[in-house]
Amino acid sequence: SLQVRTTQEHGGDETIGMVFSTCVPSPAVPCGRRAQSSKDHERILKATEYVERTGSSVEFKSYVVLETEEGNSIVIEKTVVPWAENPASLDDRNSQAKVIRSQDCRDSGATVGIIRGVQAQELIKCSSSTRYVQAVYCHATGEAESFGCRSGFRRSIASCHPFRFSLASRAPCARSTP
């Protein structure tokens, strides 16, 4: 849970000073807010990719949350529990993570059954947990069929080092000095 500390001068606006978390982000667990489980025919309405710390200040991991038309939330990540429906601590966990990207999936045609198949195929591959989550996200949003799987972390061509690129020609330009 979160604890918010605020201050307010007489007649002034209330200002948030600090936000404390009283728990460490926990991995998704199969026990959930509801006994309801998702059905294969349920459409995916929204996909959100998150990144969070794993305890060490330099280690991070990714996970994706899929929201269905029946109000279910499915957490997919490459851990011991790769598929968790309606985990109890999801709101707390999401509040401590950073959103990488989020997209409405109503037009993608993705269903829970399709994503279960994609998730099972991706688990077999020897990809990193980040690439695994990105592949699931791309299939849920329909990007995998249209553009291939793109990362929410990639920098644009123009920001590559040590050369900058002209966006018009895609050719390297000379490095500028400040």
Protein backbone atom coordinates (compact mmCIF):
# COMPACT_ATOMS: atom_id res chain seq x y z
CA SER A 1 0.00 0.00 0.00
CA LEU A 2 1.02 3.61 -0.42
CA GLN A 3 1.22 6.36 2.17
CA VAL A 4 1.12 9.99 1.00
CA ARG A 5 2.43 12.89 3.13
CA THR A 6 1.18 16.34 2.25
CA THR A 7 1.51 19.89 3.57
CA GLN A 8 -0.85 22.82 3.27
CA GLU A 9 -0.47 26.41 4.36
CA HIS A 10 -3.54 28.18 5.69
CA GLY A 11 -5.64 29.10 2.67
CA GLY A 12 -3.12 27.53 0.27
CA ASP A 13 -3.09 24.49 -1.96
CA GLU A 14 -2.21 21.08 -0.56
CA THR A 15 1.19 19.87 -1.81
CA ILE A 16 2.42 16.28 -1.90
CA GLY A 17 5.76 16.09 -0.11
CA MET A 18 6.49 12.36 -0.09
CA VAL A 19 4.99 9.04 -1.08
CA PHE A 20 6.00 5.94 0.87
CA SER A 21 5.52 2.34 -0.14
CA THR A 22 4.97 -0.07 2.71
CA CYS A 23 5.82 -3.14 0.65
CA VAL A 24 8.32 -4.33 -1.94
CA PRO A 25 6.86 -5.10 -5.39
CA SER A 26 5.89 -8.74 -5.31
CA PRO A 27 5.81 -11.05 -8.32
CA ALA A 28 2.45 -11.99 -9.76
CA VAL A 29 0.78 -14.78 -7.87
CA PRO A 30 -2.09 -16.93 -9.02
CA CYS A 31 -4.37 -16.02 -6.11
CA GLY A 32 -6.37 -12.98 -7.08
CA ARG A 33 -8.93 -10.34 -6.40
CA ARG A 34 -11.64 -12.45 -7.99
CA ALA A 35 -12.27 -16.14 -8.34
CA GLN A 36 -13.18 -15.44 -11.98
CA SER A 37 -10.74 -16.65 -14.61
CA SER A 38 -10.55 -15.49 -18.19
CA LYS A 39 -12.01 -17.48 -21.07
CA ASP A 40 -10.21 -18.10 -24.37
CA HIS A 41 -12.84 -16.15 -26.35
CA GLU A 42 -12.46 -12.93 -24.29
CA ARG A 43 -11.12 -10.05 -26.32
CA ILE A 44 -8.08 -8.11 -25.15
CA LEU A 45 -9.01 -4.44 -24.72
CA LYS A 46 -5.73 -2.93 -23.53
CA ALA A 47 -2.07 -3.91 -23.20
CA THR A 48 0.42 -2.11 -20.97
CA GLU A 49 4.14 -2.91 -20.73
CA TYR A 50 5.88 -2.11 -17.43
CA VAL A 51 9.43 -2.24 -16.10
CA GLU A 52 10.28 -2.59 -12.40
CA ARG A 53 13.29 -3.02 -10.13
CA THR A 54 14.05 -6.52 -8.95
CA GLY A 55 15.67 -5.69 -5.63
CA SER A 56 19.11 -4.65 -6.85
CA SER A 57 19.45 -1.01 -7.87
CA VAL A 58 20.76 -2.03 -11.31
CA GLU A 59 18.54 -5.00 -12.20
CA PHE A 60 15.18 -4.56 -13.89
CA LYS A 61 12.52 -6.83 -15.35
CA SER A 62 9.55 -6.31 -17.61
CA TYR A 63 5.96 -7.52 -17.47
CA VAL A 64 2.82 -6.87 -19.46
CA VAL A 65 -0.72 -6.44 -18.17
CA LEU A 66 -3.60 -7.32 -20.48
CA GLU A 67 -7.11 -6.10 -19.69
CA THR A 68 -10.04 -8.12 -21.09
CA GLU A 69 -13.61 -7.26 -22.00
CA GLU A 70 -14.86 -9.19 -18.94
CA GLY A 71 -12.76 -7.02 -16.58
CA ASN A 72 -9.96 -9.53 -16.03
CA SER A 73 -6.32 -8.46 -15.69
CA ILE A 74 -3.68 -10.90 -16.91
CA VAL A 75 -0.04 -10.42 -15.88
CA ILE A 76 2.49 -12.06 -18.20
CA GLU A 77 6.19 -12.21 -17.39
CA LYS A 78 9.05 -14.66 -17.69
CA THR A 79 9.13 -16.00 -14.13
CA VAL A 80 8.09 -19.10 -12.22
CA VAL A 81 4.46 -17.95 -12.68
CA PRO A 82 4.45 -16.68 -16.29
CA TRP A 83 0.64 -16.19 -16.47
CA ALA A 84 -1.33 -14.80 -13.52
CA GLU A 85 -4.96 -13.72 -13.63
CA ASN A 86 -6.30 -10.99 -11.35
CA PRO A 87 -3.37 -10.94 -8.87
CA ALA A 88 -4.26 -9.30 -5.56
CA SER A 89 -1.27 -6.94 -5.45
CA LEU A 90 -1.46 -5.71 -9.05
CA ASP A 91 -2.46 -2.11 -8.28
CA ASP A 92 0.39 -1.73 -5.76
CA ARG A 93 2.86 -3.36 -8.12
CA ASN A 94 1.85 -1.16 -11.06
CA SER A 95 2.10 1.99 -8.93
CA GLN A 96 5.76 1.21 -8.23
CA ALA A 97 6.64 0.27 -11.83
CA LYS A 98 7.20 2.50 -14.86
CA VAL A 99 4.96 2.31 -17.91
CA ILE A 100 6.98 1.72 -21.07
CA ARG A 101 4.02 1.79 -23.45
CA SER A 102 0.28 1.21 -23.46
CA GLN A 103 -2.20 0.72 -26.28
CA ASP A 104 -5.89 0.10 -26.88
CA CYS A 105 -6.25 -3.35 -28.47
CA ARG A 106 -9.94 -3.37 -29.43
CA ASP A 107 -9.13 -3.39 -33.15
CA SER A 108 -6.31 -5.96 -32.98
CA GLY A 109 -8.61 -9.00 -32.79
CA ALA A 110 -6.47 -10.53 -30.03
CA THR A 111 -8.21 -12.86 -27.60
CA VAL A 112 -7.08 -14.57 -24.42
CA GLY A 113 -6.81 -17.86 -26.34
CA ILE A 114 -4.57 -16.34 -29.01
CA ILE A 115 -2.31 -14.77 -26.40
CA ARG A 116 -2.13 -18.07 -24.45
CA GLY A 117 -0.78 -19.70 -27.62
CA VAL A 118 1.71 -16.89 -28.27
CA GLN A 119 2.83 -16.93 -24.65
CA ALA A 120 3.40 -20.71 -24.74
CA GLN A 121 5.43 -20.40 -27.98
CA GLU A 122 7.51 -17.53 -26.57
CA LEU A 123 8.27 -19.48 -23.37
CA ILE A 124 9.89 -22.22 -25.47
CA LYS A 125 12.27 -19.73 -27.10
CA CYS A 126 15.47 -18.83 -25.29
CA SER A 127 14.80 -15.10 -25.33
CA SER A 128 15.39 -12.66 -22.50
CA SER A 129 12.50 -11.78 -20.22
CA THR A 130 12.30 -8.32 -21.83
CA ARG A 131 12.05 -9.71 -25.38
CA TYR A 132 9.50 -12.29 -24.19
CA VAL A 133 7.26 -9.54 -22.76
CA GLN A 134 7.73 -7.38 -25.86
CA ALA A 135 6.64 -10.27 -28.12
CA VAL A 136 3.47 -10.83 -26.07
CA TYR A 137 2.72 -7.08 -26.10
CA CYS A 138 3.23 -6.87 -29.88
CA HIS A 139 0.86 -9.79 -30.52
CA ALA A 140 -1.81 -8.34 -28.21
CA THR A 141 -1.70 -4.96 -29.96
CA GLY A 142 -1.50 -6.37 -33.47
CA GLU A 143 1.94 -4.85 -34.11
CA ALA A 144 3.56 -8.26 -34.63
CA GLU A 145 1.52 -8.85 -37.79
CA SER A 146 1.92 -5.31 -39.15
CA PHE A 147 5.41 -4.20 -38.18
CA GLY A 148 7.16 -7.09 -36.47
CA CYS A 149 7.94 -6.86 -32.80
CA ARG A 150 9.27 -3.47 -31.79
CA SER A 151 10.73 -2.54 -28.45
CA GLY A 152 9.43 0.29 -26.33
CA PHE A 153 13.06 0.81 -25.20
CA ARG A 154 14.71 1.42 -28.58
CA ARG A 155 16.21 4.76 -29.36
CA SER A 156 15.51 6.44 -32.67
CA ILE A 157 18.11 6.39 -35.43
CA ALA A 158 18.74 10.09 -34.85
CA SER A 159 19.94 9.49 -31.28
CA CYS A 160 22.55 6.82 -32.11
CA HIS A 161 26.09 7.41 -30.95
CA PRO A 162 28.75 8.31 -32.18
CA PHE A 163 27.11 9.61 -35.37
CA ARG A 164 23.91 11.51 -35.87
CA PHE A 165 21.76 10.62 -38.86
CA SER A 166 19.94 12.85 -41.26
CA LEU A 167 16.33 11.70 -41.08
CA ALA A 168 15.78 12.65 -44.71
CA SER A 169 18.64 10.58 -46.16
CA ARG A 170 19.26 8.05 -43.34
CA ALA A 171 22.94 8.66 -44.03
CA PRO A 172 25.42 9.36 -41.22
CA CYS A 173 26.27 12.99 -40.70
CA ALA A 174 29.50 14.29 -39.26
CA ARG A 175 29.60 14.49 -35.52
CA SER A 176 29.00 17.98 -34.21
CA THR A 177 31.11 19.45 -31.45
CA PRO A 178 29.60 21.69 -28.80
